[in-house]
């Protein structure tokens, strides 16, 4: 089972649990005070419907094609974590990656994008929004490698940072088949130049 399918399954499970809990709470309230519970039930139903529509809304796409105002690495530095995630998703779509999915993250400085290459290889990109001078070390690389094993195993694990990687992080990534893209690589990706990820997308 792909990481994309697992993420969607977990999302639906959370929704189901929330709906069941609300339903049982409402039924218990109806038994105690049906007059007060009836109009409140309508409000809850509207709120749940709105929540479902918002969370299922199509992901906005961010254009990175060459034009009057192309996106630069300086523009990326001003982005939120979600905006960086959507930018990476748009870059993957531009490079013919299929099934691109950018699930909403509850983490402020990290998010993920899922997809698969034209040959069916799964791809998981973790995006780190870091300060330009920050150096991401081997510990973060180890953590990502641990997260992409087992149920979340992927063919092409990619770690993107708007900062830079330490030498030990780069060495670890190379030894474990992890694609590491720092701000220099990201700047090249924005303009369509080859990056460390390019050979993996061509296979």
Protein backbone atom coordinates (compact mmCIF):
# COMPACT_ATOMS: atom_id res chain seq x y z
CA UNK A 1 0.00 0.00 0.00
CA UNK A 2 1.47 3.39 -1.02
CA UNK A 3 2.12 6.23 1.41
CA UNK A 4 -0.49 8.33 -0.41
CA UNK A 5 -3.19 5.71 0.18
CA UNK A 6 -2.21 5.37 3.85
CA UNK A 7 -2.41 9.13 4.40
CA UNK A 8 -5.87 9.30 2.82
CA UNK A 9 -7.05 6.28 4.82
CA UNK A 10 -5.82 7.83 8.09
CA UNK A 11 -7.54 11.10 7.19
CA UNK A 12 -10.88 9.35 6.61
CA UNK A 13 -10.49 7.36 9.84
CA UNK A 14 -10.05 10.60 11.80
CA UNK A 15 -13.17 12.05 10.16
CA UNK A 16 -15.16 8.90 10.95
CA UNK A 17 -14.13 8.93 14.62
CA UNK A 18 -15.06 12.62 14.98
CA UNK A 19 -18.49 12.05 13.40
CA UNK A 20 -19.21 8.98 15.58
CA UNK A 21 -18.22 10.81 18.78
CA UNK A 22 -20.40 13.79 17.87
CA UNK A 23 -23.31 11.48 17.02
CA UNK A 24 -23.22 9.63 20.33
CA UNK A 25 -22.87 12.88 22.27
CA UNK A 26 -25.85 14.35 20.42
CA UNK A 27 -28.04 11.27 21.02
CA UNK A 28 -27.23 11.41 24.73
CA UNK A 29 -28.17 15.09 24.78
CA UNK A 30 -31.43 14.37 22.94
CA UNK A 31 -32.44 11.97 25.69
CA UNK A 32 -31.82 14.58 28.38
CA UNK A 33 -33.14 17.72 26.67
CA UNK A 34 -34.63 17.16 23.18
CA UNK A 35 -35.98 20.73 22.85
CA UNK A 36 -32.55 22.31 23.27
CA UNK A 37 -30.72 19.58 21.37
CA UNK A 38 -32.79 19.77 18.18
CA UNK A 39 -31.68 23.23 16.93
CA UNK A 40 -28.14 22.59 18.16
CA UNK A 41 -28.04 19.45 16.03
CA UNK A 42 -28.69 21.53 12.93
CA UNK A 43 -25.82 23.86 13.78
CA UNK A 44 -23.47 20.90 14.33
CA UNK A 45 -24.54 19.35 11.02
CA UNK A 46 -23.82 22.58 9.15
CA UNK A 47 -20.42 22.90 10.88
CA UNK A 48 -19.43 19.32 10.04
CA UNK A 49 -20.50 19.79 6.40
CA UNK A 50 -18.47 23.00 6.15
CA UNK A 51 -15.42 21.29 7.70
CA UNK A 52 -15.69 18.47 5.16
CA UNK A 53 -15.94 20.88 2.21
CA UNK A 54 -12.95 22.94 3.37
CA UNK A 55 -10.66 19.98 4.03
CA UNK A 56 -11.65 18.31 0.76
CA UNK A 57 -11.24 21.44 -1.34
CA UNK A 58 -8.82 21.04 -4.27
CA UNK A 59 -5.27 22.00 -3.39
CA UNK A 60 -4.38 25.39 -4.84
CA UNK A 61 -1.60 25.22 -7.39
CA UNK A 62 1.31 27.62 -7.36
CA UNK A 63 2.77 28.49 -10.72
CA UNK A 64 6.52 28.27 -11.14
CA UNK A 65 6.69 28.56 -14.91
CA UNK A 66 8.84 31.25 -16.46
CA UNK A 67 6.90 34.48 -16.85
CA UNK A 68 6.88 38.16 -15.96
CA UNK A 69 7.55 37.44 -12.28
CA UNK A 70 9.27 34.04 -11.85
CA UNK A 71 9.63 32.71 -8.33
CA UNK A 72 13.12 33.18 -6.88
CA UNK A 73 14.75 31.65 -3.83
CA UNK A 74 14.25 35.03 -2.11
CA UNK A 75 10.51 34.65 -2.69
CA UNK A 76 10.69 31.16 -1.20
CA UNK A 77 12.32 32.56 1.94
CA UNK A 78 9.18 34.63 2.54
CA UNK A 79 6.82 31.68 2.12
CA UNK A 80 4.96 29.86 4.86
CA UNK A 81 5.47 26.13 5.29
CA UNK A 82 2.20 25.45 3.45
CA UNK A 83 3.19 27.73 0.56
CA UNK A 84 6.54 25.93 0.28
CA UNK A 85 4.71 22.60 0.24
CA UNK A 86 2.41 23.77 -2.57
CA UNK A 87 5.37 25.15 -4.51
CA UNK A 88 7.15 21.78 -4.33
CA UNK A 89 3.92 20.08 -5.42
CA UNK A 90 3.72 22.38 -8.46
CA UNK A 91 7.36 21.68 -9.34
CA UNK A 92 6.70 17.95 -9.23
CA UNK A 93 3.65 18.33 -11.47
CA UNK A 94 5.72 20.40 -13.90
CA UNK A 95 8.25 17.56 -14.01
CA UNK A 96 5.51 15.04 -14.92
CA UNK A 97 5.18 13.42 -11.49
CA UNK A 98 1.72 11.89 -11.17
CA UNK A 99 -0.72 11.58 -8.28
CA UNK A 100 0.79 14.60 -6.52
CA UNK A 101 -0.84 15.12 -3.13
CA UNK A 102 0.07 17.76 -0.54
CA UNK A 103 -1.79 16.86 2.68
CA UNK A 104 -2.29 19.60 5.24
CA UNK A 105 0.36 19.40 7.96
CA UNK A 106 -0.08 20.14 11.66
CA UNK A 107 3.64 20.90 11.94
CA UNK A 108 4.66 24.53 11.42
CA UNK A 109 8.12 23.99 9.92
CA UNK A 110 7.72 20.70 8.05
CA UNK A 111 5.29 19.28 5.49
CA UNK A 112 5.19 16.51 2.90
CA UNK A 113 4.27 15.96 -0.73
CA UNK A 114 3.47 12.53 -2.22
CA UNK A 115 3.48 11.35 -5.81
CA UNK A 116 4.79 8.76 -8.25
CA UNK A 117 7.00 8.83 -11.33
CA UNK A 118 5.89 7.88 -14.82
CA UNK A 119 7.29 4.39 -14.21
CA UNK A 120 5.24 3.97 -11.02
CA UNK A 121 7.97 4.58 -8.43
CA UNK A 122 6.58 6.18 -5.27
CA UNK A 123 7.99 9.49 -4.11
CA UNK A 124 7.78 11.23 -0.74
CA UNK A 125 9.17 14.75 -0.33
CA UNK A 126 9.55 16.29 3.11
CA UNK A 127 9.81 20.09 2.98
CA UNK A 128 11.65 21.95 5.72
CA UNK A 129 11.17 25.70 5.95
CA UNK A 130 14.49 26.79 7.49
CA UNK A 131 16.39 30.06 7.79
CA UNK A 132 18.79 30.61 4.86
CA UNK A 133 21.87 30.17 7.08
CA UNK A 134 20.55 27.21 9.05
CA UNK A 135 22.36 23.92 8.49
CA UNK A 136 20.28 20.76 8.68
CA UNK A 137 22.31 18.01 10.30
CA UNK A 138 22.50 14.23 10.21
CA UNK A 139 19.96 13.94 13.05
CA UNK A 140 17.17 15.33 10.85
CA UNK A 141 18.25 13.03 8.02
CA UNK A 142 18.18 10.01 10.37
CA UNK A 143 14.69 11.01 11.53
CA UNK A 144 13.43 11.22 7.96
CA UNK A 145 14.96 7.87 7.06
CA UNK A 146 13.25 6.29 10.07
CA UNK A 147 9.92 7.83 9.00
CA UNK A 148 10.17 6.37 5.48
CA UNK A 149 10.48 2.76 6.58
CA UNK A 150 7.77 0.20 7.24
CA UNK A 151 4.27 1.34 6.33
CA UNK A 152 5.60 4.62 4.92
CA UNK A 153 8.32 3.06 2.78
CA UNK A 154 8.87 4.91 -0.49
CA UNK A 155 11.04 4.35 -3.55
CA UNK A 156 12.39 7.90 -3.71
CA UNK A 157 12.69 9.72 -0.36
CA UNK A 158 13.48 13.41 -0.81
CA UNK A 159 14.34 15.98 1.87
CA UNK A 160 14.10 19.64 0.86
CA UNK A 161 15.31 22.55 2.98
CA UNK A 162 15.38 26.29 2.38
CA UNK A 163 18.62 26.23 4.40
CA UNK A 164 21.67 24.04 3.84
CA UNK A 165 22.87 20.58 4.83
CA UNK A 166 25.95 19.78 6.88
CA UNK A 167 28.63 17.56 5.37
CA UNK A 168 27.64 14.70 7.66
CA UNK A 169 24.00 15.01 6.54
CA UNK A 170 25.03 14.93 2.87
CA UNK A 171 27.27 11.91 3.45
CA UNK A 172 24.48 10.06 5.26
CA UNK A 173 21.97 10.89 2.56
CA UNK A 174 24.31 9.65 -0.18
CA UNK A 175 25.00 6.40 1.66
CA UNK A 176 21.31 5.66 2.21
CA UNK A 177 19.91 6.66 -1.18
CA UNK A 178 18.20 9.80 0.11
CA UNK A 179 17.84 12.78 -2.23
CA UNK A 180 18.83 15.99 -0.42
CA UNK A 181 17.91 19.34 -1.94
CA UNK A 182 19.20 22.49 -0.23
CA UNK A 183 18.49 26.10 -1.18
CA UNK A 184 21.01 26.02 -4.04
CA UNK A 185 19.37 22.89 -5.48
CA UNK A 186 15.93 24.39 -4.89
CA UNK A 187 16.93 27.56 -6.77
CA UNK A 188 18.05 25.40 -9.70
CA UNK A 189 14.80 23.42 -9.58
CA UNK A 190 12.76 26.64 -9.75
CA UNK A 191 14.40 27.58 -13.04
CA UNK A 192 14.14 24.10 -14.56
CA UNK A 193 17.83 23.27 -14.27
CA UNK A 194 18.91 19.72 -13.32
CA UNK A 195 19.05 18.81 -9.61
CA UNK A 196 19.95 15.72 -7.61
CA UNK A 197 16.32 14.65 -8.05
CA UNK A 198 16.34 14.83 -11.87
CA UNK A 199 17.93 11.41 -12.57
CA UNK A 200 15.38 9.69 -10.29
CA UNK A 201 12.43 11.19 -12.17
CA UNK A 202 13.84 10.03 -15.49
CA UNK A 203 14.02 6.35 -14.44
